[in-house]
Amino acid sequence: MDDVHIPEEHKKVLQLGPKFCLEPNLRPVDKVALARSVSRKVEEEDKSR
């Protein structure tokens, strides 16, 4: 990683400590859409769980 150039402003932000983000607020309709899109990707043998 010695070959990587990190801009000084980015170094200053990183030196401030751990970063975090808040969970996005999803509308109920978005939660249902997300659940359906995930359930479509589950393999058939795992759907009965």
N, C-alpha and C. Protein backbone atom coordinates (compact mmCIF):
# COMPACT_ATOMS: atom_id res chain seq x y z
N MET A 1 0.82 -1.19 0.00
CA MET A 1 0.00 0.00 0.00
C MET A 1 0.86 1.25 0.00
N ASP A 2 2.14 1.10 0.00
CA ASP A 2 3.01 2.27 -0.02
C ASP A 2 2.94 3.01 -1.34
N ASP A 3 2.54 2.31 -2.40
CA ASP A 3 2.50 2.93 -3.72
C ASP A 3 1.21 3.71 -3.96
N VAL A 4 0.27 3.64 -3.03
CA VAL A 4 -1.02 4.29 -3.20
C VAL A 4 -0.96 5.71 -2.68
N HIS A 5 -1.42 6.65 -3.51
CA HIS A 5 -1.45 8.06 -3.09
C HIS A 5 -2.84 8.39 -2.57
N ILE A 6 -2.89 8.81 -1.31
CA ILE A 6 -4.16 9.22 -0.71
C ILE A 6 -4.11 10.73 -0.51
N PRO A 7 -5.08 11.44 -1.05
CA PRO A 7 -5.10 12.90 -0.89
C PRO A 7 -5.10 13.30 0.59
N GLU A 8 -4.48 14.41 0.89
CA GLU A 8 -4.34 14.88 2.27
C GLU A 8 -5.69 15.07 2.95
N GLU A 9 -6.69 15.57 2.22
CA GLU A 9 -8.01 15.79 2.83
C GLU A 9 -8.65 14.46 3.25
N HIS A 10 -8.38 13.40 2.48
CA HIS A 10 -8.92 12.09 2.84
C HIS A 10 -8.21 11.54 4.08
N LYS A 11 -6.91 11.77 4.16
CA LYS A 11 -6.17 11.33 5.34
C LYS A 11 -6.70 12.00 6.60
N LYS A 12 -7.02 13.29 6.50
CA LYS A 12 -7.54 14.02 7.66
C LYS A 12 -8.86 13.43 8.13
N VAL A 13 -9.72 13.08 7.19
CA VAL A 13 -11.01 12.49 7.55
C VAL A 13 -10.80 11.13 8.21
N LEU A 14 -9.91 10.32 7.65
CA LEU A 14 -9.67 8.99 8.19
C LEU A 14 -9.04 9.04 9.58
N GLN A 15 -8.28 10.08 9.87
CA GLN A 15 -7.65 10.22 11.18
C GLN A 15 -8.64 10.60 12.27
N LEU A 16 -9.85 10.97 11.90
CA LEU A 16 -10.85 11.36 12.89
C LEU A 16 -11.45 10.17 13.62
N GLY A 17 -11.19 8.98 13.16
CA GLY A 17 -11.67 7.79 13.86
C GLY A 17 -12.64 6.98 13.03
N PRO A 18 -13.25 5.99 13.69
CA PRO A 18 -14.16 5.09 12.98
C PRO A 18 -15.33 5.83 12.34
N LYS A 19 -15.73 5.33 11.22
CA LYS A 19 -16.85 5.92 10.49
C LYS A 19 -18.04 4.97 10.56
N PHE A 20 -19.21 5.51 10.45
CA PHE A 20 -20.41 4.69 10.46
C PHE A 20 -21.47 5.37 9.63
N CYS A 21 -22.48 4.63 9.32
CA CYS A 21 -23.62 5.21 8.62
C CYS A 21 -24.89 4.64 9.23
N LEU A 22 -25.95 5.36 9.09
CA LEU A 22 -27.23 4.92 9.62
C LEU A 22 -27.95 4.06 8.60
N GLU A 23 -28.74 3.14 9.10
CA GLU A 23 -29.53 2.29 8.21
C GLU A 23 -30.53 3.16 7.47
N PRO A 24 -30.65 2.96 6.17
CA PRO A 24 -31.59 3.79 5.41
C PRO A 24 -33.03 3.54 5.85
N ASN A 25 -33.82 4.58 5.84
CA ASN A 25 -35.24 4.46 6.16
C ASN A 25 -35.98 4.04 4.90
N LEU A 26 -36.47 2.82 4.90
CA LEU A 26 -37.19 2.31 3.75
C LEU A 26 -38.69 2.42 3.99
N ARG A 27 -39.39 2.83 2.96
CA ARG A 27 -40.85 2.85 3.04
C ARG A 27 -41.34 1.41 3.05
N PRO A 28 -42.51 1.16 3.61
CA PRO A 28 -43.02 -0.22 3.64
C PRO A 28 -43.05 -0.89 2.26
N VAL A 29 -43.42 -0.15 1.24
CA VAL A 29 -43.46 -0.73 -0.10
C VAL A 29 -42.06 -1.12 -0.57
N ASP A 30 -41.05 -0.34 -0.20
CA ASP A 30 -39.67 -0.68 -0.57
C ASP A 30 -39.19 -1.91 0.19
N LYS A 31 -39.62 -2.06 1.45
CA LYS A 31 -39.24 -3.24 2.22
C LYS A 31 -39.81 -4.50 1.59
N VAL A 32 -41.05 -4.43 1.15
CA VAL A 32 -41.67 -5.59 0.50
C VAL A 32 -40.95 -5.90 -0.81
N ALA A 33 -40.64 -4.88 -1.58
CA ALA A 33 -39.94 -5.09 -2.85
C ALA A 33 -38.57 -5.71 -2.61
N LEU A 34 -37.87 -5.25 -1.59
CA LEU A 34 -36.56 -5.79 -1.27
C LEU A 34 -36.67 -7.25 -0.83
N ALA A 35 -37.65 -7.55 0.01
CA ALA A 35 -37.84 -8.93 0.46
C ALA A 35 -38.16 -9.85 -0.71
N ARG A 36 -38.97 -9.39 -1.62
CA ARG A 36 -39.32 -10.22 -2.79
C ARG A 36 -38.12 -10.44 -3.70
N SER A 37 -37.32 -9.40 -3.90
CA SER A 37 -36.16 -9.56 -4.78
C SER A 37 -35.14 -10.51 -4.16
N VAL A 38 -35.01 -10.49 -2.84
CA VAL A 38 -34.09 -11.42 -2.18
C VAL A 38 -34.65 -12.84 -2.24
N SER A 39 -35.95 -12.98 -2.01
CA SER A 39 -36.54 -14.33 -2.01
C SER A 39 -36.46 -14.98 -3.38
N ARG A 40 -36.45 -14.20 -4.44
CA ARG A 40 -36.32 -14.77 -5.79
C ARG A 40 -34.94 -15.38 -6.02
N LYS A 41 -33.96 -14.91 -5.27
CA LYS A 41 -32.58 -15.38 -5.46
C LYS A 41 -32.26 -16.61 -4.62
N VAL A 42 -33.13 -16.97 -3.69
CA VAL A 42 -32.90 -18.13 -2.83
C VAL A 42 -33.14 -19.40 -3.62
N GLU A 43 -32.25 -20.36 -3.43
CA GLU A 43 -32.39 -21.63 -4.13
C GLU A 43 -33.63 -22.36 -3.63
N GLU A 44 -34.23 -23.15 -4.50
CA GLU A 44 -35.50 -23.83 -4.19
C GLU A 44 -35.40 -24.70 -2.95
N GLU A 45 -34.28 -25.38 -2.76
CA GLU A 45 -34.12 -26.28 -1.61
C GLU A 45 -34.07 -25.52 -0.28
N ASP A 46 -33.72 -24.25 -0.31
CA ASP A 46 -33.65 -23.45 0.91
C ASP A 46 -34.93 -22.68 1.20
N LYS A 47 -35.87 -22.67 0.30
CA LYS A 47 -37.09 -21.88 0.48
C LYS A 47 -38.00 -22.42 1.57
N SER A 48 -37.91 -23.69 1.89
CA SER A 48 -38.81 -24.27 2.90
C SER A 48 -38.40 -23.90 4.32
N ARG A 49 -37.27 -23.29 4.51
CA ARG A 49 -36.80 -22.95 5.86
C ARG A 49 -37.60 -21.87 6.47
